[in-house]
PDB file of N, CA and C in Angstrom:
ATOM      1  N   MET A   1      46.867  25.515 -69.534  1.00  0.00           N
ATOM      2  CA  MET A   1      47.898  26.197 -68.949  1.00  0.00           C
ATOM      3  C   MET A   1      49.211  25.570 -68.674  1.00  0.00           C
ATOM      4  N   ASN A   2      50.222  26.164 -69.215  1.00  0.00           N
ATOM      5  CA  ASN A   2      51.157  25.326 -68.996  1.00  0.00           C
ATOM      6  C   ASN A   2      52.584  26.351 -68.192  1.00  0.00           C
ATOM      7  N   GLN A   3      52.463  25.910 -67.022  1.00  0.00           N
ATOM      8  CA  GLN A   3      53.350  26.678 -66.006  1.00  0.00           C
ATOM      9  C   GLN A   3      54.654  25.654 -65.448  1.00  0.00           C
ATOM     10  N   ALA A   4      55.732  26.428 -65.676  1.00  0.00           N
ATOM     11  CA  ALA A   4      57.032  25.635 -64.796  1.00  0.00           C
ATOM     12  C   ALA A   4      56.750  26.019 -63.523  1.00  0.00           C
ATOM     13  N   ILE A   5      56.596  25.091 -62.789  1.00  0.00           N
ATOM     14  CA  ILE A   5      56.283  25.408 -61.510  1.00  0.00           C
ATOM     15  C   ILE A   5      57.781  24.467 -60.282  1.00  0.00           C
ATOM     16  N   GLN A   6      58.453  25.163 -59.587  1.00  0.00           N
ATOM     17  CA  GLN A   6      59.230  24.533 -58.840  1.00  0.00           C
ATOM     18  C   GLN A   6      59.079  25.077 -57.362  1.00  0.00           C
ATOM     19  N   PHE A   7      59.647  24.152 -56.539  1.00  0.00           N
ATOM     20  CA  PHE A   7      59.662  24.355 -55.240  1.00  0.00           C
ATOM     21  C   PHE A   7      61.195  24.194 -54.540  1.00  0.00           C
ATOM     22  N   PRO A   8      61.514  25.580 -54.302  1.00  0.00           N
ATOM     23  CA  PRO A   8      62.939  25.524 -53.570  1.00  0.00           C
ATOM     24  C   PRO A   8      62.771  24.967 -52.103  1.00  0.00           C
ATOM     25  N   ASP A   9      63.808  24.466 -51.808  1.00  0.00           N
ATOM     26  CA  ASP A   9      63.849  23.808 -50.306  1.00  0.00           C
ATOM     27  C   ASP A   9      64.146  25.037 -49.239  1.00  0.00           C
ATOM     28  N   ARG A  10      63.093  25.867 -49.258  1.00  0.00           N
ATOM     29  CA  ARG A  10      63.364  27.066 -48.301  1.00  0.00           C
ATOM     30  C   ARG A  10      61.941  27.049 -47.311  1.00  0.00           C
ATOM     31  N   GLU A  11      61.684  25.814 -46.924  1.00  0.00           N
ATOM     32  CA  GLU A  11      60.506  25.907 -46.051  1.00  0.00           C
ATOM     33  C   GLU A  11      60.633  26.714 -44.566  1.00  0.00           C
ATOM     34  N   GLU A  12      59.678  27.039 -43.994  1.00  0.00           N
ATOM     35  CA  GLU A  12      60.243  27.531 -42.519  1.00  0.00           C
ATOM     36  C   GLU A  12      58.753  27.550 -41.737  1.00  0.00           C
ATOM     37  N   TRP A  13      59.026  27.616 -40.909  1.00  0.00           N
ATOM     38  CA  TRP A  13      57.789  27.582 -39.680  1.00  0.00           C
ATOM     39  C   TRP A  13      57.305  28.861 -39.015  1.00  0.00           C
ATOM     40  N   ASN A  14      56.324  29.160 -39.667  1.00  0.00           N
ATOM     41  CA  ASN A  14      55.781  30.396 -39.110  1.00  0.00           C
ATOM     42  C   ASN A  14      54.840  30.400 -37.650  1.00  0.00           C
ATOM     43  N   VAL A  15      55.493  31.153 -36.898  1.00  0.00           N
ATOM     44  CA  VAL A  15      54.808  30.999 -35.230  1.00  0.00           C
ATOM     45  C   VAL A  15      53.435  31.601 -35.148  1.00  0.00           C
ATOM     46  N   SER A  16      53.296  32.880 -35.795  1.00  0.00           N
ATOM     47  CA  SER A  16      52.210  33.334 -35.514  1.00  0.00           C
ATOM     48  C   SER A  16      50.872  32.718 -36.434  1.00  0.00           C
ATOM     49  N   ALA A  17      51.443  32.286 -37.577  1.00  0.00           N
ATOM     50  CA  ALA A  17      50.366  31.450 -38.374  1.00  0.00           C
ATOM     51  C   ALA A  17      50.170  29.841 -37.704  1.00  0.00           C
ATOM     52  N   GLN A  18      51.167  29.260 -37.004  1.00  0.00           N
ATOM     53  CA  GLN A  18      51.292  27.933 -36.765  1.00  0.00           C
ATOM     54  C   GLN A  18      51.338  27.024 -37.897  1.00  0.00           C
ATOM     55  N   ALA A  19      51.815  27.556 -39.241  1.00  0.00           N
ATOM     56  CA  ALA A  19      51.859  26.669 -40.458  1.00  0.00           C
ATOM     57  C   ALA A  19      53.379  26.871 -40.781  1.00  0.00           C
ATOM     58  N   VAL A  20      53.529  25.872 -41.894  1.00  0.00           N
ATOM     59  CA  VAL A  20      54.747  25.751 -42.622  1.00  0.00           C
ATOM     60  C   VAL A  20      54.422  26.277 -43.832  1.00  0.00           C
ATOM     61  N   PHE A  21      55.363  27.167 -44.171  1.00  0.00           N
ATOM     62  CA  PHE A  21      55.242  28.241 -45.477  1.00  0.00           C
ATOM     63  C   PHE A  21      56.410  27.971 -46.114  1.00  0.00           C
ATOM     64  N   PHE A  22      55.955  27.710 -47.528  1.00  0.00           N
ATOM     65  CA  PHE A  22      57.280  26.888 -48.507  1.00  0.00           C
ATOM     66  C   PHE A  22      56.912  27.908 -49.773  1.00  0.00           C
ATOM     67  N   PRO A  23      58.102  28.145 -50.531  1.00  0.00           N
ATOM     68  CA  PRO A  23      57.784  29.003 -51.601  1.00  0.00           C
ATOM     69  C   PRO A  23      57.700  28.255 -52.962  1.00  0.00           C
ATOM     70  N   ALA A  24      56.918  28.664 -53.926  1.00  0.00           N
ATOM     71  CA  ALA A  24      57.041  27.936 -55.198  1.00  0.00           C
ATOM     72  C   ALA A  24      57.257  29.038 -56.196  1.00  0.00           C
ATOM     73  N   LEU A  25      58.253  28.615 -57.379  1.00  0.00           N
ATOM     74  CA  LEU A  25      58.415  29.592 -58.210  1.00  0.00           C
ATOM     75  C   LEU A  25      57.423  29.132 -59.366  1.00  0.00           C
ATOM     76  N   VAL A  26      56.844  30.028 -59.907  1.00  0.00           N
ATOM     77  CA  VAL A  26      55.862  29.826 -61.063  1.00  0.00           C
ATOM     78  C   VAL A  26      56.433  30.699 -62.062  1.00  0.00           C
ATOM     79  N   ASN A  27      56.973  30.408 -63.156  1.00  0.00           N
ATOM     80  CA  ASN A  27      57.517  30.901 -64.292  1.00  0.00           C
ATOM     81  C   ASN A  27      58.534  32.143 -64.072  1.00  0.00           C
ATOM     82  N   GLY A  28      59.343  31.760 -63.009  1.00  0.00           N
ATOM     83  CA  GLY A  28      60.415  32.900 -62.389  1.00  0.00           C
ATOM     84  C   GLY A  28      59.699  33.630 -61.145  1.00  0.00           C
ATOM     85  N   MET A  29      58.326  33.805 -61.240  1.00  0.00           N
ATOM     86  CA  MET A  29      57.873  34.511 -60.005  1.00  0.00           C
ATOM     87  C   MET A  29      57.417  33.543 -58.718  1.00  0.00           C
ATOM     88  N   GLN A  30      57.460  34.476 -57.559  1.00  0.00           N
ATOM     89  CA  GLN A  30      57.623  33.613 -56.301  1.00  0.00           C
ATOM     90  C   GLN A  30      56.227  33.422 -55.724  1.00  0.00           C
ATOM     91  N   LEU A  31      55.726  32.756 -55.325  1.00  0.00           N
ATOM     92  CA  LEU A  31      54.385  32.290 -54.687  1.00  0.00           C
ATOM     93  C   LEU A  31      54.779  31.665 -53.331  1.00  0.00           C
ATOM     94  N   SER A  32      53.870  32.259 -52.345  1.00  0.00           N
ATOM     95  CA  SER A  32      54.090  31.351 -50.957  1.00  0.00           C
ATOM     96  C   SER A  32      52.785  30.148 -51.181  1.00  0.00           C
ATOM     97  N   CYS A  33      53.088  29.108 -50.555  1.00  0.00           N
ATOM     98  CA  CYS A  33      52.186  28.113 -50.193  1.00  0.00           C
ATOM     99  C   CYS A  33      52.637  27.758 -48.479  1.00  0.00           C
ATOM    100  N   ALA A  34      51.282  26.892 -47.951  1.00  0.00           N
ATOM    101  CA  ALA A  34      51.453  27.015 -46.668  1.00  0.00           C
ATOM    102  C   ALA A  34      50.311  25.727 -46.208  1.00  0.00           C
ATOM    103  N   ILE A  35      50.530  25.088 -45.123  1.00  0.00           N
ATOM    104  CA  ILE A  35      49.981  24.116 -44.459  1.00  0.00           C
ATOM    105  C   ILE A  35      50.226  24.567 -43.165  1.00  0.00           C
ATOM    106  N   LYS A  36      48.845  24.266 -42.688  1.00  0.00           N
ATOM    107  CA  LYS A  36      48.999  24.527 -41.011  1.00  0.00           C
ATOM    108  C   LYS A  36      49.208  23.248 -40.159  1.00  0.00           C
ATOM    109  N   GLY A  37      50.371  23.559 -39.231  1.00  0.00           N
ATOM    110  CA  GLY A  37      50.453  22.385 -38.391  1.00  0.00           C
ATOM    111  C   GLY A  37      49.461  21.503 -37.934  1.00  0.00           C
ATOM    112  N   GLU A  38      48.063  21.808 -37.533  1.00  0.00           N
ATOM    113  CA  GLU A  38      47.300  20.913 -37.266  1.00  0.00           C
ATOM    114  C   GLU A  38      46.560  19.966 -38.384  1.00  0.00           C
ATOM    115  N   VAL A  39      47.037  20.792 -39.459  1.00  0.00           N
ATOM    116  CA  VAL A  39      46.479  19.836 -40.881  1.00  0.00           C
ATOM    117  C   VAL A  39      47.591  18.698 -40.929  1.00  0.00           C
ATOM    118  N   LEU A  40      48.895  18.989 -41.011  1.00  0.00           N
ATOM    119  CA  LEU A  40      50.204  18.159 -40.840  1.00  0.00           C
ATOM    120  C   LEU A  40      49.949  17.023 -39.925  1.00  0.00           C
ATOM    121  N   ALA A  41      49.373  17.545 -38.683  1.00  0.00           N
ATOM    122  CA  ALA A  41      49.305  16.441 -37.795  1.00  0.00           C
ATOM    123  C   ALA A  41      48.099  15.566 -38.117  1.00  0.00           C
ATOM    124  N   ARG A  42      47.030  16.019 -38.680  1.00  0.00           N
ATOM    125  CA  ARG A  42      46.019  15.237 -38.582  1.00  0.00           C
ATOM    126  C   ARG A  42      46.276  14.534 -39.851  1.00  0.00           C
ATOM    127  N   ARG A  43      46.729  14.619 -40.888  1.00  0.00           N
ATOM    128  CA  ARG A  43      46.796  13.897 -42.245  1.00  0.00           C
ATOM    129  C   ARG A  43      48.123  12.697 -42.179  1.00  0.00           C
ATOM    130  N   PHE A  44      49.046  13.281 -41.437  1.00  0.00           N
ATOM    131  CA  PHE A  44      50.246  12.370 -41.040  1.00  0.00           C
ATOM    132  C   PHE A  44      50.611  11.982 -39.786  1.00  0.00           C
ATOM    133  N   GLY A  45      49.837  12.067 -39.204  1.00  0.00           N
ATOM    134  CA  GLY A  45      50.055  11.449 -37.660  1.00  0.00           C
ATOM    135  C   GLY A  45      50.299  12.759 -36.709  1.00  0.00           C
ATOM    136  N   SER A  46      49.744  12.420 -35.411  1.00  0.00           N
ATOM    137  CA  SER A  46      49.858  13.441 -34.515  1.00  0.00           C
ATOM    138  C   SER A  46      51.412  13.703 -34.128  1.00  0.00           C
ATOM    139  N   ALA A  47      51.630  14.953 -34.292  1.00  0.00           N
ATOM    140  CA  ALA A  47      53.095  15.519 -33.674  1.00  0.00           C
ATOM    141  C   ALA A  47      52.965  16.951 -33.000  1.00  0.00           C
ATOM    142  N   ALA A  48      54.135  16.790 -32.210  1.00  0.00           N
ATOM    143  CA  ALA A  48      54.327  18.048 -31.312  1.00  0.00           C
ATOM    144  C   ALA A  48      54.480  19.234 -32.188  1.00  0.00           C
ATOM    145  N   PRO A  49      54.318  20.426 -31.965  1.00  0.00           N
ATOM    146  CA  PRO A  49      54.417  21.679 -32.846  1.00  0.00           C
ATOM    147  C   PRO A  49      56.084  21.729 -33.562  1.00  0.00           C
ATOM    148  N   GLU A  50      56.914  21.391 -32.201  1.00  0.00           N
ATOM    149  CA  GLU A  50      58.168  21.341 -32.841  1.00  0.00           C
ATOM    150  C   GLU A  50      58.685  20.572 -33.866  1.00  0.00           C
ATOM    151  N   GLU A  51      57.763  19.501 -34.058  1.00  0.00           N
ATOM    152  CA  GLU A  51      58.040  18.520 -35.128  1.00  0.00           C
ATOM    153  C   GLU A  51      57.128  18.891 -36.371  1.00  0.00           C
ATOM    154  N   HIS A  52      56.493  19.701 -36.535  1.00  0.00           N
ATOM    155  CA  HIS A  52      55.983  19.872 -37.765  1.00  0.00           C
ATOM    156  C   HIS A  52      56.467  20.331 -38.924  1.00  0.00           C
ATOM    157  N   LEU A  53      57.815  21.007 -38.671  1.00  0.00           N
ATOM    158  CA  LEU A  53      58.743  21.589 -39.769  1.00  0.00           C
ATOM    159  C   LEU A  53      59.244  19.929 -40.717  1.00  0.00           C
ATOM    160  N   ALA A  54      59.477  18.971 -39.577  1.00  0.00           N
ATOM    161  CA  ALA A  54      60.203  17.691 -39.739  1.00  0.00           C
ATOM    162  C   ALA A  54      59.039  16.808 -40.576  1.00  0.00           C
ATOM    163  N   LEU A  55      57.912  17.127 -40.158  1.00  0.00           N
ATOM    164  CA  LEU A  55      56.860  15.934 -40.710  1.00  0.00           C
ATOM    165  C   LEU A  55      56.532  16.470 -42.138  1.00  0.00           C
ATOM    166  N   PHE A  56      56.427  17.900 -42.190  1.00  0.00           N
ATOM    167  CA  PHE A  56      56.445  18.567 -43.574  1.00  0.00           C
ATOM    168  C   PHE A  56      57.617  17.880 -44.598  1.00  0.00           C
ATOM    169  N   ARG A  57      58.785  17.769 -43.999  1.00  0.00           N
ATOM    170  CA  ARG A  57      59.883  17.724 -44.903  1.00  0.00           C
ATOM    171  C   ARG A  57      59.720  16.109 -45.100  1.00  0.00           C
ATOM    172  N   GLU A  58      59.243  15.407 -44.382  1.00  0.00           N
ATOM    173  CA  GLU A  58      58.970  13.793 -44.716  1.00  0.00           C
ATOM    174  C   GLU A  58      58.364  13.598 -45.839  1.00  0.00           C
ATOM    175  N   TYR A  59      56.894  14.308 -45.827  1.00  0.00           N
ATOM    176  CA  TYR A  59      56.141  14.169 -46.661  1.00  0.00           C
ATOM    177  C   TYR A  59      56.064  15.304 -48.007  1.00  0.00           C
ATOM    178  N   ARG A  60      57.135  15.867 -48.075  1.00  0.00           N
ATOM    179  CA  ARG A  60      57.152  17.142 -49.037  1.00  0.00           C
ATOM    180  C   ARG A  60      56.756  16.720 -50.348  1.00  0.00           C
ATOM    181  N   TRP A  61      57.177  15.760 -51.021  1.00  0.00           N
ATOM    182  CA  TRP A  61      56.708  15.421 -52.140  1.00  0.00           C
ATOM    183  C   TRP A  61      55.444  15.304 -52.511  1.00  0.00           C
ATOM    184  N   ASP A  62      54.645  14.654 -51.647  1.00  0.00           N
ATOM    185  CA  ASP A  62      53.051  14.770 -51.607  1.00  0.00           C
ATOM    186  C   ASP A  62      52.687  16.224 -51.718  1.00  0.00           C
ATOM    187  N   LEU A  63      52.862  16.806 -50.689  1.00  0.00           N
ATOM    188  CA  LEU A  63      52.586  18.140 -50.234  1.00  0.00           C
ATOM    189  C   LEU A  63      52.860  19.021 -51.685  1.00  0.00           C
ATOM    190  N   GLU A  64      54.189  19.015 -52.173  1.00  0.00           N
ATOM    191  CA  GLU A  64      54.473  19.942 -53.437  1.00  0.00           C
ATOM    192  C   GLU A  64      53.470  19.476 -54.524  1.00  0.00           C
ATOM    193  N   GLU A  65      52.997  18.176 -54.609  1.00  0.00           N
ATOM    194  CA  GLU A  65      52.100  17.794 -55.980  1.00  0.00           C
ATOM    195  C   GLU A  65      50.491  18.661 -55.646  1.00  0.00           C
ATOM    196  N   GLU A  66      50.284  18.298 -54.292  1.00  0.00           N
ATOM    197  CA  GLU A  66      48.955  19.083 -54.128  1.00  0.00           C
ATOM    198  C   GLU A  66      49.121  20.406 -54.387  1.00  0.00           C
ATOM    199  N   ALA A  67      50.038  21.152 -54.023  1.00  0.00           N
ATOM    200  CA  ALA A  67      50.476  22.851 -53.811  1.00  0.00           C
ATOM    201  C   ALA A  67      50.329  22.905 -55.662  1.00  0.00           C
ATOM    202  N   GLU A  68      51.146  22.152 -56.146  1.00  0.00           N
ATOM    203  CA  GLU A  68      50.919  22.330 -57.726  1.00  0.00           C
ATOM    204  C   GLU A  68      49.612  22.326 -58.286  1.00  0.00           C
ATOM    205  N   GLN A  69      48.756  21.495 -57.903  1.00  0.00           N
ATOM    206  CA  GLN A  69      47.663  21.508 -58.377  1.00  0.00           C
ATOM    207  C   GLN A  69      46.819  22.448 -58.108  1.00  0.00           C
ATOM    208  N   ARG A  70      47.039  22.994 -56.828  1.00  0.00           N
ATOM    209  CA  ARG A  70      46.115  24.306 -56.385  1.00  0.00           C
ATOM    210  C   ARG A  70      46.520  25.308 -57.264  1.00  0.00           C
ATOM    211  N   ILE A  71      47.942  25.382 -57.563  1.00  0.00           N
ATOM    212  CA  ILE A  71      48.693  26.580 -57.927  1.00  0.00           C
ATOM    213  C   ILE A  71      47.936  26.678 -59.601  1.00  0.00           C
ATOM    214  N   ARG A  72      47.964  25.685 -60.111  1.00  0.00           N
ATOM    215  CA  ARG A  72      47.441  25.523 -61.584  1.00  0.00           C
ATOM    216  C   ARG A  72      46.057  25.969 -61.749  1.00  0.00           C
ATOM    217  N   GLN A  73      45.328  25.651 -60.381  1.00  0.00           N
ATOM    218  CA  GLN A  73      43.512  25.907 -60.422  1.00  0.00           C
ATOM    219  C   GLN A  73      43.729  27.500 -59.708  1.00  0.00           C
ATOM    220  N   GLN A  74      44.677  28.400 -59.544  1.00  0.00           N
ATOM    221  CA  GLN A  74      44.614  29.637 -59.137  1.00  0.00           C
ATOM    222  C   GLN A  74      43.824  29.694 -58.035  1.00  0.00           C
ATOM    223  N   GLU A  75      44.459  28.906 -56.885  1.00  0.00           N
ATOM    224  CA  GLU A  75      43.393  28.810 -55.657  1.00  0.00           C
ATOM    225  C   GLU A  75      44.434  29.546 -54.539  1.00  0.00           C
ATOM    226  N   GLU A  76      44.789  30.742 -54.999  1.00  0.00           N
ATOM    227  CA  GLU A  76      45.536  31.682 -54.091  1.00  0.00           C
ATOM    228  C   GLU A  76      44.358  32.210 -53.158  1.00  0.00           C
ATOM    229  N   ASP A  77      44.574  32.635 -51.897  1.00  0.00           N
ATOM    230  CA  ASP A  77      43.668  33.446 -50.979  1.00  0.00           C
ATOM    231  C   ASP A  77      43.796  34.773 -51.250  1.00  0.00           C
ATOM    232  N   ASP A  78      43.171  35.877 -50.487  1.00  0.00           N
ATOM    233  CA  ASP A  78      43.699  37.327 -50.906  1.00  0.00           C
ATOM    234  C   ASP A  78      45.100  37.921 -50.647  1.00  0.00           C
ATOM    235  N   GLN A  79      45.689  36.926 -49.918  1.00  0.00           N
ATOM    236  CA  GLN A  79      47.070  37.666 -49.557  1.00  0.00           C
ATOM    237  C   GLN A  79      48.055  36.675 -50.639  1.00  0.00           C
ATOM    238  N   GLY A  80      47.472  35.834 -51.423  1.00  0.00           N
ATOM    239  CA  GLY A  80      48.235  35.338 -52.327  1.00  0.00           C
ATOM    240  C   GLY A  80      49.124  34.145 -51.847  1.00  0.00           C
ATOM    241  N   VAL A  81      48.447  33.520 -51.019  1.00  0.00           N
ATOM    242  CA  VAL A  81      49.045  32.445 -50.404  1.00  0.00           C
ATOM    243  C   VAL A  81      48.047  30.994 -51.052  1.00  0.00           C
ATOM    244  N   VAL A  82      48.643  29.965 -51.214  1.00  0.00           N
ATOM    245  CA  VAL A  82      47.911  28.705 -51.802  1.00  0.00           C
ATOM    246  C   VAL A  82      48.064  27.957 -50.262  1.00  0.00           C
ATOM    247  N   TRP A  83      47.102  27.779 -49.606  1.00  0.00           N
ATOM    248  CA  TRP A  83      46.988  27.012 -48.470  1.00  0.00           C
ATOM    249  C   TRP A  83      46.462  25.434 -48.732  1.00  0.00           C
ATOM    250  N   LEU A  84      47.253  24.734 -48.431  1.00  0.00           N
ATOM    251  CA  LEU A  84      46.901  22.991 -48.497  1.00  0.00           C
ATOM    252  C   LEU A  84      45.976  22.689 -47.231  1.00  0.00           C
ATOM    253  N   SER A  85      44.849  22.154 -47.218  1.00  0.00           N
ATOM    254  CA  SER A  85      43.975  21.537 -46.232  1.00  0.00           C
ATOM    255  C   SER A  85      43.717  20.290 -46.303  1.00  0.00           C
TER     256      SER A  85
END
């Protein structure tokens, strides 16, 4: 599958989900990707909740690469969100 995948810099912290959500554009269609704050803290070092967005931005390239792999494998949940774990 040859998909053009882009990640605009429009990430945001979702308080109710306690996760960073970030968009992916797949052949012009928008898809949501997300990673829980606790996963960011576990993988990249403990951080206070208010620092999760900064932590995401610091490791953006690695996380976008992982999201791209999950998108290519069509690993969306029932809501159409690709979750990184």
